[in-house]
C-alpha cells in the first residue's frame, strides 16, 4: 500500500492544495486493510473527500473500473 500511495503522492502532491493534502494525510493514517478494499475494489470509505481521493488514486494507477 505504501508503494501505491507513495507513487501517487510523488506525482500529485505539488498540484494539491492544503485541504487536499490534509485528506491525503488522513488516508495515510488509516489502516491498510481499509485502504486496500477501497483502492483495489472501489469500496467507499464513507467520506466524500476520501472517496474522491481514492478515485484519483485508482485512476492514476489505471485500476479496472476507474474513471479515465
PDB file of N, CA and C in Angstrom:
ATOM      1  N   UNK A   1       0.828  -1.182   0.000  1.00  0.00           N
ATOM      2  CA  UNK A   1       0.000   0.000   0.000  1.00  0.00           C
ATOM      3  C   UNK A   1       0.880   1.255   0.000  1.00  0.00           C
ATOM      4  N   UNK A   2       1.968   1.203   0.746  1.00  0.00           N
ATOM      5  CA  UNK A   2       2.868   2.357   0.800  1.00  0.00           C
ATOM      6  C   UNK A   2       3.392   2.721  -0.587  1.00  0.00           C
ATOM      7  N   UNK A   3       3.691   1.702  -1.376  1.00  0.00           N
ATOM      8  CA  UNK A   3       4.219   1.943  -2.723  1.00  0.00           C
ATOM      9  C   UNK A   3       3.170   2.635  -3.598  1.00  0.00           C
ATOM     10  N   UNK A   4       1.932   2.142  -3.576  1.00  0.00           N
ATOM     11  CA  UNK A   4       0.874   2.739  -4.407  1.00  0.00           C
ATOM     12  C   UNK A   4       0.578   4.174  -3.990  1.00  0.00           C
ATOM     13  N   UNK A   5       0.440   4.383  -2.694  1.00  0.00           N
ATOM     14  CA  UNK A   5       0.157   5.741  -2.208  1.00  0.00           C
ATOM     15  C   UNK A   5       1.345   6.661  -2.439  1.00  0.00           C
ATOM     16  N   UNK A   6       2.549   6.127  -2.244  1.00  0.00           N
ATOM     17  CA  UNK A   6       3.754   6.931  -2.439  1.00  0.00           C
ATOM     18  C   UNK A   6       3.926   7.387  -3.872  1.00  0.00           C
ATOM     19  N   UNK A   7       3.703   6.479  -4.813  1.00  0.00           N
ATOM     20  CA  UNK A   7       3.815   6.854  -6.230  1.00  0.00           C
ATOM     21  C   UNK A   7       2.798   7.921  -6.594  1.00  0.00           C
ATOM     22  N   UNK A   8       1.571   7.753  -6.102  1.00  0.00           N
ATOM     23  CA  UNK A   8       0.547   8.762  -6.369  1.00  0.00           C
ATOM     24  C   UNK A   8       0.956  10.102  -5.756  1.00  0.00           C
ATOM     25  N   UNK A   9       1.394  10.080  -4.498  1.00  0.00           N
ATOM     26  CA  UNK A   9       1.761  11.321  -3.810  1.00  0.00           C
ATOM     27  C   UNK A   9       2.904  12.041  -4.525  1.00  0.00           C
ATOM     28  N   UNK A  10       3.905  11.290  -4.956  1.00  0.00           N
ATOM     29  CA  UNK A  10       5.016  11.898  -5.692  1.00  0.00           C
ATOM     30  C   UNK A  10       4.531  12.628  -6.934  1.00  0.00           C
ATOM     31  N   UNK A  11       3.559  12.046  -7.588  1.00  0.00           N
ATOM     32  CA  UNK A  11       3.021  12.628  -8.823  1.00  0.00           C
ATOM     33  C   UNK A  11       2.108  13.828  -8.547  1.00  0.00           C
ATOM     34  N   UNK A  12       1.302  13.752  -7.489  1.00  0.00           N
ATOM     35  CA  UNK A  12       0.205  14.704  -7.324  1.00  0.00           C
ATOM     36  C   UNK A  12       0.426  15.800  -6.293  1.00  0.00           C
ATOM     37  N   UNK A  13       1.287  15.585  -5.326  1.00  0.00           N
ATOM     38  CA  UNK A  13       1.339  16.498  -4.175  1.00  0.00           C
ATOM     39  C   UNK A  13       1.671  17.938  -4.562  1.00  0.00           C
ATOM     40  N   UNK A  14       2.477  18.132  -5.576  1.00  0.00           N
ATOM     41  CA  UNK A  14       2.836  19.501  -5.972  1.00  0.00           C
ATOM     42  C   UNK A  14       1.651  20.290  -6.510  1.00  0.00           C
ATOM     43  N   UNK A  15       0.650  19.604  -7.023  1.00  0.00           N
ATOM     44  CA  UNK A  15      -0.517  20.293  -7.565  1.00  0.00           C
ATOM     45  C   UNK A  15      -1.702  20.301  -6.587  1.00  0.00           C
ATOM     46  N   UNK A  16      -1.510  19.748  -5.391  1.00  0.00           N
ATOM     47  CA  UNK A  16      -2.592  19.678  -4.408  1.00  0.00           C
ATOM     48  C   UNK A  16      -2.578  20.917  -3.512  1.00  0.00           C
ATOM     49  N   UNK A  17      -3.788  21.346  -3.104  1.00  0.00           N
ATOM     50  CA  UNK A  17      -3.863  22.454  -2.155  1.00  0.00           C
ATOM     51  C   UNK A  17      -3.807  21.893  -0.727  1.00  0.00           C
ATOM     52  N   UNK A  18      -3.817  22.767   0.249  1.00  0.00           N
ATOM     53  CA  UNK A  18      -3.672  22.351   1.651  1.00  0.00           C
ATOM     54  C   UNK A  18      -4.790  21.414   2.094  1.00  0.00           C
ATOM     55  N   UNK A  19      -6.008  21.670   1.657  1.00  0.00           N
ATOM     56  CA  UNK A  19      -7.133  20.798   2.031  1.00  0.00           C
ATOM     57  C   UNK A  19      -6.964  19.405   1.447  1.00  0.00           C
ATOM     58  N   UNK A  20      -6.538  19.333   0.197  1.00  0.00           N
ATOM     59  CA  UNK A  20      -6.336  18.033  -0.453  1.00  0.00           C
ATOM     60  C   UNK A  20      -5.202  17.262   0.205  1.00  0.00           C
ATOM     61  N   UNK A  21      -4.149  17.962   0.589  1.00  0.00           N
ATOM     62  CA  UNK A  21      -3.042  17.311   1.288  1.00  0.00           C
ATOM     63  C   UNK A  21      -3.504  16.796   2.647  1.00  0.00           C
ATOM     64  N   UNK A  22      -4.361  17.541   3.314  1.00  0.00           N
ATOM     65  CA  UNK A  22      -4.901  17.089   4.605  1.00  0.00           C
ATOM     66  C   UNK A  22      -5.710  15.802   4.433  1.00  0.00           C
ATOM     67  N   UNK A  23      -6.452  15.685   3.342  1.00  0.00           N
ATOM     68  CA  UNK A  23      -7.220  14.463   3.068  1.00  0.00           C
ATOM     69  C   UNK A  23      -6.254  13.306   2.807  1.00  0.00           C
ATOM     70  N   UNK A  24      -5.200  13.559   2.056  1.00  0.00           N
ATOM     71  CA  UNK A  24      -4.192  12.530   1.809  1.00  0.00           C
ATOM     72  C   UNK A  24      -3.568  12.065   3.124  1.00  0.00           C
ATOM     73  N   UNK A  25      -3.276  12.994   4.003  1.00  0.00           N
ATOM     74  CA  UNK A  25      -2.710  12.637   5.303  1.00  0.00           C
ATOM     75  C   UNK A  25      -3.688  11.794   6.116  1.00  0.00           C
ATOM     76  N   UNK A  26      -4.977  12.135   6.057  1.00  0.00           N
ATOM     77  CA  UNK A  26      -5.993  11.329   6.745  1.00  0.00           C
ATOM     78  C   UNK A  26      -6.027   9.913   6.191  1.00  0.00           C
ATOM     79  N   UNK A  27      -5.924   9.792   4.873  1.00  0.00           N
ATOM     80  CA  UNK A  27      -5.922   8.477   4.248  1.00  0.00           C
ATOM     81  C   UNK A  27      -4.713   7.661   4.699  1.00  0.00           C
ATOM     82  N   UNK A  28      -3.560   8.281   4.706  1.00  0.00           N
ATOM     83  CA  UNK A  28      -2.328   7.595   5.082  1.00  0.00           C
ATOM     84  C   UNK A  28      -2.390   7.080   6.521  1.00  0.00           C
ATOM     85  N   UNK A  29      -3.117   7.771   7.383  1.00  0.00           N
ATOM     86  CA  UNK A  29      -3.236   7.364   8.791  1.00  0.00           C
ATOM     87  C   UNK A  29      -4.188   6.188   8.995  1.00  0.00           C
ATOM     88  N   UNK A  30      -4.966   5.841   7.963  1.00  0.00           N
ATOM     89  CA  UNK A  30      -5.924   4.746   8.078  1.00  0.00           C
ATOM     90  C   UNK A  30      -5.204   3.400   8.019  1.00  0.00           C
ATOM     91  N   UNK A  31      -5.912   2.364   8.464  1.00  0.00           N
ATOM     92  CA  UNK A  31      -5.383   1.009   8.415  1.00  0.00           C
ATOM     93  C   UNK A  31      -5.321   0.514   6.972  1.00  0.00           C
ATOM     94  N   UNK A  32      -4.264  -0.202   6.629  1.00  0.00           N
ATOM     95  CA  UNK A  32      -4.086  -0.705   5.268  1.00  0.00           C
ATOM     96  C   UNK A  32      -5.268  -1.529   4.754  1.00  0.00           C
ATOM     97  N   UNK A  33      -5.858  -2.430   5.559  1.00  0.00           N
ATOM     98  CA  UNK A  33      -6.979  -3.216   5.007  1.00  0.00           C
ATOM     99  C   UNK A  33      -8.142  -2.352   4.511  1.00  0.00           C
ATOM    100  N   UNK A  34      -8.423  -1.254   5.196  1.00  0.00           N
ATOM    101  CA  UNK A  34      -9.489  -0.348   4.752  1.00  0.00           C
ATOM    102  C   UNK A  34      -9.126   0.309   3.421  1.00  0.00           C
ATOM    103  N   UNK A  35      -7.890   0.772   3.342  1.00  0.00           N
ATOM    104  CA  UNK A  35      -7.417   1.434   2.122  1.00  0.00           C
ATOM    105  C   UNK A  35      -7.409   0.443   0.964  1.00  0.00           C
ATOM    106  N   UNK A  36      -6.936  -0.770   1.226  1.00  0.00           N
ATOM    107  CA  UNK A  36      -6.858  -1.786   0.179  1.00  0.00           C
ATOM    108  C   UNK A  36      -8.229  -2.082  -0.425  1.00  0.00           C
ATOM    109  N   UNK A  37      -9.247  -2.259   0.417  1.00  0.00           N
ATOM    110  CA  UNK A  37     -10.590  -2.525  -0.098  1.00  0.00           C
ATOM    111  C   UNK A  37     -11.083  -1.385  -0.976  1.00  0.00           C
ATOM    112  N   UNK A  38     -10.756  -0.185  -0.575  1.00  0.00           N
ATOM    113  CA  UNK A  38     -11.196   0.977  -1.328  1.00  0.00           C
ATOM    114  C   UNK A  38     -10.426   1.117  -2.642  1.00  0.00           C
ATOM    115  N   UNK A  39      -9.109   0.990  -2.584  1.00  0.00           N
ATOM    116  CA  UNK A  39      -8.288   1.150  -3.790  1.00  0.00           C
ATOM    117  C   UNK A  39      -8.496  -0.012  -4.752  1.00  0.00           C
ATOM    118  N   UNK A  40      -8.394  -1.229  -4.262  1.00  0.00           N
ATOM    119  CA  UNK A  40      -8.459  -2.396  -5.147  1.00  0.00           C
ATOM    120  C   UNK A  40      -9.876  -2.738  -5.597  1.00  0.00           C
ATOM    121  N   UNK A  41     -10.845  -2.555  -4.723  1.00  0.00           N
ATOM    122  CA  UNK A  41     -12.209  -2.998  -5.017  1.00  0.00           C
ATOM    123  C   UNK A  41     -13.204  -1.859  -5.243  1.00  0.00           C
ATOM    124  N   UNK A  42     -12.804  -0.628  -4.926  1.00  0.00           N
ATOM    125  CA  UNK A  42     -13.673   0.515  -5.141  1.00  0.00           C
ATOM    126  C   UNK A  42     -14.694   0.755  -4.034  1.00  0.00           C
ATOM    127  N   UNK A  43     -14.492   0.124  -2.868  1.00  0.00           N
ATOM    128  CA  UNK A  43     -15.424   0.326  -1.759  1.00  0.00           C
ATOM    129  C   UNK A  43     -15.306   1.739  -1.202  1.00  0.00           C
ATOM    130  N   UNK A  44     -16.420   2.281  -0.761  1.00  0.00           N
ATOM    131  CA  UNK A  44     -16.446   3.608  -0.162  1.00  0.00           C
ATOM    132  C   UNK A  44     -15.864   3.572   1.243  1.00  0.00           C
ATOM    133  N   UNK A  45     -15.171   4.634   1.587  1.00  0.00           N
ATOM    134  CA  UNK A  45     -14.668   4.790   2.953  1.00  0.00           C
ATOM    135  C   UNK A  45     -15.653   5.574   3.806  1.00  0.00           C
ATOM    136  N   UNK A  46     -16.806   5.911   3.236  1.00  0.00           N
ATOM    137  CA  UNK A  46     -17.836   6.611   3.987  1.00  0.00           C
ATOM    138  C   UNK A  46     -17.563   8.089   4.185  1.00  0.00           C
ATOM    139  N   UNK A  47     -16.662   8.637   3.381  1.00  0.00           N
ATOM    140  CA  UNK A  47     -16.307  10.048   3.469  1.00  0.00           C
ATOM    141  C   UNK A  47     -16.093  10.547   2.039  1.00  0.00           C
ATOM    142  N   UNK A  48     -16.853  11.558   1.655  1.00  0.00           N
ATOM    143  CA  UNK A  48     -16.807  12.064   0.280  1.00  0.00           C
ATOM    144  C   UNK A  48     -15.394  12.467  -0.143  1.00  0.00           C
ATOM    145  N   UNK A  49     -14.689  13.167   0.715  1.00  0.00           N
ATOM    146  CA  UNK A  49     -13.341  13.629   0.362  1.00  0.00           C
ATOM    147  C   UNK A  49     -12.380  12.457   0.173  1.00  0.00           C
ATOM    148  N   UNK A  50     -12.460  11.464   1.060  1.00  0.00           N
ATOM    149  CA  UNK A  50     -11.601  10.288   0.930  1.00  0.00           C
ATOM    150  C   UNK A  50     -11.960   9.496  -0.323  1.00  0.00           C
ATOM    151  N   UNK A  51     -13.250   9.362  -0.594  1.00  0.00           N
ATOM    152  CA  UNK A  51     -13.680   8.634  -1.787  1.00  0.00           C
ATOM    153  C   UNK A  51     -13.213   9.325  -3.064  1.00  0.00           C
ATOM    154  N   UNK A  52     -13.233  10.643  -3.080  1.00  0.00           N
ATOM    155  CA  UNK A  52     -12.738  11.396  -4.235  1.00  0.00           C
ATOM    156  C   UNK A  52     -11.243  11.148  -4.428  1.00  0.00           C
ATOM    157  N   UNK A  53     -10.498  11.161  -3.333  1.00  0.00           N
ATOM    158  CA  UNK A  53      -9.059  10.902  -3.407  1.00  0.00           C
ATOM    159  C   UNK A  53      -8.793   9.480  -3.885  1.00  0.00           C
ATOM    160  N   UNK A  54      -9.539   8.511  -3.367  1.00  0.00           N
ATOM    161  CA  UNK A  54      -9.373   7.120  -3.805  1.00  0.00           C
ATOM    162  C   UNK A  54      -9.644   7.008  -5.303  1.00  0.00           C
ATOM    163  N   UNK A  55     -10.653   7.702  -5.796  1.00  0.00           N
ATOM    164  CA  UNK A  55     -10.951   7.678  -7.233  1.00  0.00           C
ATOM    165  C   UNK A  55      -9.760   8.201  -8.038  1.00  0.00           C
ATOM    166  N   UNK A  56      -9.113   9.242  -7.556  1.00  0.00           N
ATOM    167  CA  UNK A  56      -7.927   9.775  -8.237  1.00  0.00           C
ATOM    168  C   UNK A  56      -6.773   8.777  -8.210  1.00  0.00           C
ATOM    169  N   UNK A  57      -6.601   8.105  -7.079  1.00  0.00           N
ATOM    170  CA  UNK A  57      -5.541   7.101  -6.947  1.00  0.00           C
ATOM    171  C   UNK A  57      -5.820   5.932  -7.881  1.00  0.00           C
ATOM    172  N   UNK A  58      -7.071   5.472  -7.926  1.00  0.00           N
ATOM    173  CA  UNK A  58      -7.451   4.375  -8.827  1.00  0.00           C
ATOM    174  C   UNK A  58      -7.221   4.770 -10.285  1.00  0.00           C
ATOM    175  N   UNK A  59      -7.565   5.996 -10.623  1.00  0.00           N
ATOM    176  CA  UNK A  59      -7.362   6.486 -11.986  1.00  0.00           C
ATOM    177  C   UNK A  59      -5.871   6.559 -12.305  1.00  0.00           C
ATOM    178  N   UNK A  60      -5.074   7.095 -11.385  1.00  0.00           N
ATOM    179  CA  UNK A  60      -3.628   7.222 -11.585  1.00  0.00           C
ATOM    180  C   UNK A  60      -2.985   5.864 -11.870  1.00  0.00           C
ATOM    181  N   UNK A  61      -3.411   4.842 -11.127  1.00  0.00           N
ATOM    182  CA  UNK A  61      -2.841   3.507 -11.271  1.00  0.00           C
ATOM    183  C   UNK A  61      -3.563   2.643 -12.303  1.00  0.00           C
ATOM    184  N   UNK A  62      -4.580   3.244 -12.959  1.00  0.00           N
ATOM    185  CA  UNK A  62      -5.317   2.571 -14.039  1.00  0.00           C
ATOM    186  C   UNK A  62      -5.969   1.261 -13.578  1.00  0.00           C
ATOM    187  N   UNK A  63      -6.594   1.301 -12.406  1.00  0.00           N
ATOM    188  CA  UNK A  63      -7.319   0.131 -11.923  1.00  0.00           C
ATOM    189  C   UNK A  63      -8.578  -0.058 -12.756  1.00  0.00           C
ATOM    190  N   UNK A  64      -9.001  -1.299 -12.980  1.00  0.00           N
ATOM    191  CA  UNK A  64     -10.233  -1.553 -13.725  1.00  0.00           C
ATOM    192  C   UNK A  64     -11.417  -0.843 -13.088  1.00  0.00           C
ATOM    193  N   UNK A  65     -12.241  -0.253 -13.901  1.00  0.00           N
ATOM    194  CA  UNK A  65     -13.407   0.444 -13.418  1.00  0.00           C
ATOM    195  C   UNK A  65     -13.145   1.875 -12.984  1.00  0.00           C
ATOM    196  N   UNK A  66     -11.875   2.289 -12.968  1.00  0.00           N
ATOM    197  CA  UNK A  66     -11.563   3.679 -12.610  1.00  0.00           C
ATOM    198  C   UNK A  66     -11.928   4.582 -13.764  1.00  0.00           C
ATOM    199  N   UNK A  67     -12.416   5.775 -13.432  1.00  0.00           N
ATOM    200  CA  UNK A  67     -12.728   6.753 -14.491  1.00  0.00           C
ATOM    201  C   UNK A  67     -11.456   7.193 -15.174  1.00  0.00           C
ATOM    202  N   UNK A  68     -11.498   7.267 -16.492  1.00  0.00           N
ATOM    203  CA  UNK A  68     -10.303   7.656 -17.247  1.00  0.00           C
ATOM    204  C   UNK A  68     -10.379   9.057 -17.727  1.00  0.00           C
TER     205      UNK A  68
END
